[in-house]
Amino acid sequence: MNKYIAEFIGTFFLVLTVGCTVIGNGAGAFAPLAIGSALMVMVFAGGHISGGGTSIQLLRWAFGCAGSARPRT
């Protein structure tokens, strides 16, 4: 259960950061830095609990939703 809670918290803060950087004027050129920093902090904070899979699972989900992920051939 601790793995799921750690993954949820990490994903929540990462999605919150992405949302805050793109709403309104956004963070401009600093948006990728903010998103990367949030991801780094969440992986370091919860990686030892959940195995550090936040980045892989979230990126797979994000690219799948964006439609930019190409299937492997």
PDB file of N, CA and C in Angstrom:
ATOM      1  N   MET A   1       0.819  -1.191   0.000  1.00  0.00           N
ATOM      2  CA  MET A   1       0.000   0.000   0.000  1.00  0.00           C
ATOM      3  C   MET A   1       0.866   1.258   0.000  1.00  0.00           C
ATOM      4  N   ASN A   2       2.018   1.192   0.665  1.00  0.00           N
ATOM      5  CA  ASN A   2       2.890   2.362   0.702  1.00  0.00           C
ATOM      6  C   ASN A   2       3.396   2.738  -0.682  1.00  0.00           C
ATOM      7  N   LYS A   3       3.595   1.743  -1.549  1.00  0.00           N
ATOM      8  CA  LYS A   3       4.038   2.023  -2.914  1.00  0.00           C
ATOM      9  C   LYS A   3       3.014   2.861  -3.652  1.00  0.00           C
ATOM     10  N   TYR A   4       1.754   2.500  -3.508  1.00  0.00           N
ATOM     11  CA  TYR A   4       0.695   3.216  -4.212  1.00  0.00           C
ATOM     12  C   TYR A   4       0.543   4.642  -3.694  1.00  0.00           C
ATOM     13  N   ILE A   5       0.681   4.806  -2.405  1.00  0.00           N
ATOM     14  CA  ILE A   5       0.575   6.148  -1.823  1.00  0.00           C
ATOM     15  C   ILE A   5       1.739   7.020  -2.293  1.00  0.00           C
ATOM     16  N   ALA A   6       2.936   6.477  -2.306  1.00  0.00           N
ATOM     17  CA  ALA A   6       4.096   7.232  -2.772  1.00  0.00           C
ATOM     18  C   ALA A   6       3.962   7.599  -4.246  1.00  0.00           C
ATOM     19  N   GLU A   7       3.486   6.660  -5.063  1.00  0.00           N
ATOM     20  CA  GLU A   7       3.265   6.929  -6.481  1.00  0.00           C
ATOM     21  C   GLU A   7       2.197   7.992  -6.666  1.00  0.00           C
ATOM     22  N   PHE A   8       1.124   7.922  -5.882  1.00  0.00           N
ATOM     23  CA  PHE A   8       0.056   8.907  -5.995  1.00  0.00           C
ATOM     24  C   PHE A   8       0.550  10.302  -5.641  1.00  0.00           C
ATOM     25  N   ILE A   9       1.275  10.417  -4.556  1.00  0.00           N
ATOM     26  CA  ILE A   9       1.774  11.727  -4.130  1.00  0.00           C
ATOM     27  C   ILE A   9       2.742  12.285  -5.173  1.00  0.00           C
ATOM     28  N   GLY A  10       3.647  11.459  -5.662  1.00  0.00           N
ATOM     29  CA  GLY A  10       4.599  11.914  -6.671  1.00  0.00           C
ATOM     30  C   GLY A  10       3.917  12.355  -7.955  1.00  0.00           C
ATOM     31  N   THR A  11       2.938  11.568  -8.401  1.00  0.00           N
ATOM     32  CA  THR A  11       2.212  11.915  -9.616  1.00  0.00           C
ATOM     33  C   THR A  11       1.361  13.155  -9.411  1.00  0.00           C
ATOM     34  N   PHE A  12       0.752  13.292  -8.238  1.00  0.00           N
ATOM     35  CA  PHE A  12      -0.054  14.468  -7.943  1.00  0.00           C
ATOM     36  C   PHE A  12       0.769  15.739  -8.039  1.00  0.00           C
ATOM     37  N   PHE A  13       1.929  15.754  -7.398  1.00  0.00           N
ATOM     38  CA  PHE A  13       2.744  16.966  -7.421  1.00  0.00           C
ATOM     39  C   PHE A  13       3.317  17.248  -8.801  1.00  0.00           C
ATOM     40  N   LEU A  14       3.614  16.218  -9.547  1.00  0.00           N
ATOM     41  CA  LEU A  14       4.117  16.436 -10.901  1.00  0.00           C
ATOM     42  C   LEU A  14       3.025  17.004 -11.806  1.00  0.00           C
ATOM     43  N   VAL A  15       1.817  16.455 -11.725  1.00  0.00           N
ATOM     44  CA  VAL A  15       0.709  16.983 -12.524  1.00  0.00           C
ATOM     45  C   VAL A  15       0.342  18.389 -12.064  1.00  0.00           C
ATOM     46  N   LEU A  16       0.398  18.653 -10.781  1.00  0.00           N
ATOM     47  CA  LEU A  16       0.152  19.995 -10.263  1.00  0.00           C
ATOM     48  C   LEU A  16       1.170  20.984 -10.821  1.00  0.00           C
ATOM     49  N   THR A  17       2.427  20.590 -10.859  1.00  0.00           N
ATOM     50  CA  THR A  17       3.469  21.462 -11.393  1.00  0.00           C
ATOM     51  C   THR A  17       3.257  21.733 -12.874  1.00  0.00           C
ATOM     52  N   VAL A  18       2.930  20.694 -13.629  1.00  0.00           N
ATOM     53  CA  VAL A  18       2.672  20.887 -15.058  1.00  0.00           C
ATOM     54  C   VAL A  18       1.482  21.813 -15.246  1.00  0.00           C
ATOM     55  N   GLY A  19       0.430  21.604 -14.490  1.00  0.00           N
ATOM     56  CA  GLY A  19      -0.751  22.456 -14.592  1.00  0.00           C
ATOM     57  C   GLY A  19      -0.466  23.899 -14.246  1.00  0.00           C
ATOM     58  N   CYS A  20       0.300  24.127 -13.209  1.00  0.00           N
ATOM     59  CA  CYS A  20       0.614  25.501 -12.793  1.00  0.00           C
ATOM     60  C   CYS A  20       1.541  26.209 -13.774  1.00  0.00           C
ATOM     61  N   THR A  21       2.350  25.470 -14.497  1.00  0.00           N
ATOM     62  CA  THR A  21       3.272  26.123 -15.422  1.00  0.00           C
ATOM     63  C   THR A  21       2.628  26.453 -16.759  1.00  0.00           C
ATOM     64  N   VAL A  22       1.494  25.851 -17.076  1.00  0.00           N
ATOM     65  CA  VAL A  22       0.867  26.117 -18.373  1.00  0.00           C
ATOM     66  C   VAL A  22      -0.390  26.964 -18.280  1.00  0.00           C
ATOM     67  N   ILE A  23      -0.936  27.186 -17.095  1.00  0.00           N
ATOM     68  CA  ILE A  23      -2.142  27.999 -16.944  1.00  0.00           C
ATOM     69  C   ILE A  23      -1.770  29.477 -17.029  1.00  0.00           C
ATOM     70  N   GLY A  24      -2.590  30.219 -17.726  1.00  0.00           N
ATOM     71  CA  GLY A  24      -2.358  31.665 -17.857  1.00  0.00           C
ATOM     72  C   GLY A  24      -1.103  31.954 -18.651  1.00  0.00           C
ATOM     73  N   ASN A  25      -0.294  32.844 -18.132  1.00  0.00           N
ATOM     74  CA  ASN A  25       0.970  33.180 -18.795  1.00  0.00           C
ATOM     75  C   ASN A  25       1.988  32.064 -18.641  1.00  0.00           C
ATOM     76  N   GLY A  26       1.797  31.235 -17.649  1.00  0.00           N
ATOM     77  CA  GLY A  26       2.702  30.110 -17.436  1.00  0.00           C
ATOM     78  C   GLY A  26       4.061  30.564 -16.934  1.00  0.00           C
ATOM     79  N   ALA A  27       4.989  29.637 -16.959  1.00  0.00           N
ATOM     80  CA  ALA A  27       6.334  29.917 -16.470  1.00  0.00           C
ATOM     81  C   ALA A  27       7.279  30.284 -17.600  1.00  0.00           C
ATOM     82  N   GLY A  28       6.782  30.314 -18.819  1.00  0.00           N
ATOM     83  CA  GLY A  28       7.618  30.697 -19.946  1.00  0.00           C
ATOM     84  C   GLY A  28       8.717  29.688 -20.201  1.00  0.00           C
ATOM     85  N   ALA A  29       9.924  30.214 -20.303  1.00  0.00           N
ATOM     86  CA  ALA A  29      11.078  29.357 -20.601  1.00  0.00           C
ATOM     87  C   ALA A  29      11.484  28.496 -19.408  1.00  0.00           C
ATOM     88  N   PHE A  30      10.970  28.806 -18.232  1.00  0.00           N
ATOM     89  CA  PHE A  30      11.335  28.052 -17.035  1.00  0.00           C
ATOM     90  C   PHE A  30      10.415  26.859 -16.783  1.00  0.00           C
ATOM     91  N   ALA A  31       9.397  26.673 -17.615  1.00  0.00           N
ATOM     92  CA  ALA A  31       8.463  25.560 -17.410  1.00  0.00           C
ATOM     93  C   ALA A  31       9.157  24.202 -17.437  1.00  0.00           C
ATOM     94  N   PRO A  32      10.019  23.912 -18.424  1.00  0.00           N
ATOM     95  CA  PRO A  32      10.696  22.607 -18.394  1.00  0.00           C
ATOM     96  C   PRO A  32      11.584  22.420 -17.164  1.00  0.00           C
ATOM     97  N   LEU A  33      12.196  23.500 -16.712  1.00  0.00           N
ATOM     98  CA  LEU A  33      13.033  23.423 -15.511  1.00  0.00           C
ATOM     99  C   LEU A  33      12.185  23.117 -14.280  1.00  0.00           C
ATOM    100  N   ALA A  34      11.032  23.755 -14.177  1.00  0.00           N
ATOM    101  CA  ALA A  34      10.143  23.507 -13.039  1.00  0.00           C
ATOM    102  C   ALA A  34       9.611  22.086 -13.055  1.00  0.00           C
ATOM    103  N   ILE A  35       9.213  21.601 -14.227  1.00  0.00           N
ATOM    104  CA  ILE A  35       8.671  20.253 -14.336  1.00  0.00           C
ATOM    105  C   ILE A  35       9.755  19.216 -14.046  1.00  0.00           C
ATOM    106  N   GLY A  36      10.929  19.418 -14.592  1.00  0.00           N
ATOM    107  CA  GLY A  36      12.037  18.499 -14.339  1.00  0.00           C
ATOM    108  C   GLY A  36      12.456  18.485 -12.884  1.00  0.00           C
ATOM    109  N   SER A  37      12.445  19.655 -12.262  1.00  0.00           N
ATOM    110  CA  SER A  37      12.807  19.738 -10.841  1.00  0.00           C
ATOM    111  C   SER A  37      11.781  19.025  -9.968  1.00  0.00           C
ATOM    112  N   ALA A  38      10.510  19.205 -10.286  1.00  0.00           N
ATOM    113  CA  ALA A  38       9.468  18.518  -9.511  1.00  0.00           C
ATOM    114  C   ALA A  38       9.588  17.013  -9.666  1.00  0.00           C
ATOM    115  N   LEU A  39       9.856  16.558 -10.882  1.00  0.00           N
ATOM    116  CA  LEU A  39      10.028  15.129 -11.114  1.00  0.00           C
ATOM    117  C   LEU A  39      11.227  14.592 -10.348  1.00  0.00           C
ATOM    118  N   MET A  40      12.331  15.333 -10.374  1.00  0.00           N
ATOM    119  CA  MET A  40      13.537  14.908  -9.671  1.00  0.00           C
ATOM    120  C   MET A  40      13.290  14.793  -8.164  1.00  0.00           C
ATOM    121  N   VAL A  41      12.634  15.789  -7.603  1.00  0.00           N
ATOM    122  CA  VAL A  41      12.376  15.780  -6.160  1.00  0.00           C
ATOM    123  C   VAL A  41      11.453  14.630  -5.774  1.00  0.00           C
ATOM    124  N   MET A  42      10.422  14.398  -6.577  1.00  0.00           N
ATOM    125  CA  MET A  42       9.478  13.321  -6.250  1.00  0.00           C
ATOM    126  C   MET A  42      10.113  11.941  -6.398  1.00  0.00           C
ATOM    127  N   VAL A  43      10.980  11.752  -7.386  1.00  0.00           N
ATOM    128  CA  VAL A  43      11.653  10.460  -7.534  1.00  0.00           C
ATOM    129  C   VAL A  43      12.619  10.238  -6.374  1.00  0.00           C
ATOM    130  N   PHE A  44      13.352  11.283  -5.977  1.00  0.00           N
ATOM    131  CA  PHE A  44      14.261  11.133  -4.843  1.00  0.00           C
ATOM    132  C   PHE A  44      13.509  10.958  -3.530  1.00  0.00           C
ATOM    133  N   ALA A  45      12.351  11.623  -3.388  1.00  0.00           N
ATOM    134  CA  ALA A  45      11.604  11.535  -2.132  1.00  0.00           C
ATOM    135  C   ALA A  45      10.888  10.198  -1.977  1.00  0.00           C
ATOM    136  N   GLY A  46      10.338   9.657  -3.068  1.00  0.00           N
ATOM    137  CA  GLY A  46       9.564   8.439  -2.940  1.00  0.00           C
ATOM    138  C   GLY A  46      10.150   7.243  -3.649  1.00  0.00           C
ATOM    139  N   GLY A  47      11.303   7.417  -4.254  1.00  0.00           N
ATOM    140  CA  GLY A  47      11.910   6.335  -5.021  1.00  0.00           C
ATOM    141  C   GLY A  47      12.272   5.124  -4.196  1.00  0.00           C
ATOM    142  N   HIS A  48      12.723   5.348  -2.991  1.00  0.00           N
ATOM    143  CA  HIS A  48      13.102   4.214  -2.149  1.00  0.00           C
ATOM    144  C   HIS A  48      11.885   3.440  -1.642  1.00  0.00           C
ATOM    145  N   ILE A  49      10.713   4.056  -1.714  1.00  0.00           N
ATOM    146  CA  ILE A  49       9.487   3.386  -1.273  1.00  0.00           C
ATOM    147  C   ILE A  49       8.855   2.622  -2.430  1.00  0.00           C
ATOM    148  N   SER A  50       8.735   3.298  -3.574  1.00  0.00           N
ATOM    149  CA  SER A  50       7.984   2.711  -4.689  1.00  0.00           C
ATOM    150  C   SER A  50       8.869   2.087  -5.762  1.00  0.00           C
ATOM    151  N   GLY A  51      10.138   2.227  -5.648  1.00  0.00           N
ATOM    152  CA  GLY A  51      11.023   1.691  -6.663  1.00  0.00           C
ATOM    153  C   GLY A  51      11.403   2.690  -7.733  1.00  0.00           C
ATOM    154  N   GLY A  52      10.958   3.928  -7.617  1.00  0.00           N
ATOM    155  CA  GLY A  52      11.341   4.980  -8.552  1.00  0.00           C
ATOM    156  C   GLY A  52      10.696   4.866  -9.916  1.00  0.00           C
ATOM    157  N   GLY A  53       9.517   4.287  -9.997  1.00  0.00           N
ATOM    158  CA  GLY A  53       8.864   4.116 -11.288  1.00  0.00           C
ATOM    159  C   GLY A  53       7.997   5.276 -11.710  1.00  0.00           C
ATOM    160  N   THR A  54       7.978   6.349 -10.952  1.00  0.00           N
ATOM    161  CA  THR A  54       7.106   7.484 -11.254  1.00  0.00           C
ATOM    162  C   THR A  54       7.373   8.019 -12.646  1.00  0.00           C
ATOM    163  N   SER A  55       8.614   8.236 -12.981  1.00  0.00           N
ATOM    164  CA  SER A  55       8.931   8.878 -14.250  1.00  0.00           C
ATOM    165  C   SER A  55       8.549   7.998 -15.425  1.00  0.00           C
ATOM    166  N   ILE A  56       8.838   6.738 -15.364  1.00  0.00           N
ATOM    167  CA  ILE A  56       8.551   5.850 -16.483  1.00  0.00           C
ATOM    168  C   ILE A  56       7.055   5.717 -16.694  1.00  0.00           C
ATOM    169  N   GLN A  57       6.303   5.475 -15.636  1.00  0.00           N
ATOM    170  CA  GLN A  57       4.862   5.286 -15.766  1.00  0.00           C
ATOM    171  C   GLN A  57       4.177   6.565 -16.196  1.00  0.00           C
ATOM    172  N   LEU A  58       4.586   7.691 -15.646  1.00  0.00           N
ATOM    173  CA  LEU A  58       3.948   8.953 -15.982  1.00  0.00           C
ATOM    174  C   LEU A  58       4.279   9.372 -17.406  1.00  0.00           C
ATOM    175  N   LEU A  59       5.516   9.189 -17.821  1.00  0.00           N
ATOM    176  CA  LEU A  59       5.871   9.543 -19.189  1.00  0.00           C
ATOM    177  C   LEU A  59       5.151   8.657 -20.192  1.00  0.00           C
ATOM    178  N   ARG A  60       5.037   7.378 -19.900  1.00  0.00           N
ATOM    179  CA  ARG A  60       4.304   6.470 -20.788  1.00  0.00           C
ATOM    180  C   ARG A  60       2.853   6.923 -20.909  1.00  0.00           C
ATOM    181  N   TRP A  61       2.243   7.295 -19.810  1.00  0.00           N
ATOM    182  CA  TRP A  61       0.866   7.756 -19.816  1.00  0.00           C
ATOM    183  C   TRP A  61       0.735   9.070 -20.576  1.00  0.00           C
ATOM    184  N   ALA A  62       1.651  10.017 -20.331  1.00  0.00           N
ATOM    185  CA  ALA A  62       1.575  11.330 -20.971  1.00  0.00           C
ATOM    186  C   ALA A  62       1.748  11.236 -22.483  1.00  0.00           C
ATOM    187  N   PHE A  63       2.728  10.464 -22.927  1.00  0.00           N
ATOM    188  CA  PHE A  63       2.931  10.319 -24.363  1.00  0.00           C
ATOM    189  C   PHE A  63       1.775   9.574 -25.016  1.00  0.00           C
ATOM    190  N   GLY A  64       1.205   8.631 -24.308  1.00  0.00           N
ATOM    191  CA  GLY A  64       0.053   7.915 -24.839  1.00  0.00           C
ATOM    192  C   GLY A  64      -1.152   8.820 -25.002  1.00  0.00           C
ATOM    193  N   CYS A  65      -1.387   9.694 -24.018  1.00  0.00           N
ATOM    194  CA  CYS A  65      -2.505  10.641 -24.099  1.00  0.00           C
ATOM    195  C   CYS A  65      -2.282  11.682 -25.184  1.00  0.00           C
ATOM    196  N   ALA A  66      -1.031  12.099 -25.379  1.00  0.00           N
ATOM    197  CA  ALA A  66      -0.715  13.095 -26.394  1.00  0.00           C
ATOM    198  C   ALA A  66      -0.739  12.513 -27.792  1.00  0.00           C
ATOM    199  N   GLY A  67      -0.679  11.197 -27.880  1.00  0.00           N
ATOM    200  CA  GLY A  67      -0.692  10.555 -29.176  1.00  0.00           C
ATOM    201  C   GLY A  67       0.644  10.624 -29.893  1.00  0.00           C
ATOM    202  N   SER A  68       1.675  11.016 -29.200  1.00  0.00           N
ATOM    203  CA  SER A  68       2.983  11.158 -29.836  1.00  0.00           C
ATOM    204  C   SER A  68       3.846   9.910 -29.678  1.00  0.00           C
ATOM    205  N   ALA A  69       3.359   8.941 -28.932  1.00  0.00           N
ATOM    206  CA  ALA A  69       4.131   7.707 -28.770  1.00  0.00           C
ATOM    207  C   ALA A  69       3.834   6.789 -29.942  1.00  0.00           C
ATOM    208  N   ARG A  70       4.864   6.348 -30.588  1.00  0.00           N
ATOM    209  CA  ARG A  70       4.701   5.447 -31.711  1.00  0.00           C
ATOM    210  C   ARG A  70       4.836   4.007 -31.219  1.00  0.00           C
ATOM    211  N   PRO A  71       4.001   3.130 -31.729  1.00  0.00           N
ATOM    212  CA  PRO A  71       4.148   1.721 -31.315  1.00  0.00           C
ATOM    213  C   PRO A  71       5.429   1.127 -31.841  1.00  0.00           C
ATOM    214  N   ARG A  72       6.000   0.226 -31.085  1.00  0.00           N
ATOM    215  CA  ARG A  72       7.229  -0.448 -31.510  1.00  0.00           C
ATOM    216  C   ARG A  72       6.907  -1.427 -32.627  1.00  0.00           C
ATOM    217  N   THR A  73       7.806  -1.476 -33.602  1.00  0.00           N
ATOM    218  CA  THR A  73       7.611  -2.413 -34.710  1.00  0.00           C
ATOM    219  C   THR A  73       8.722  -3.417 -34.761  1.00  0.00           C
TER     220      THR A  73
END
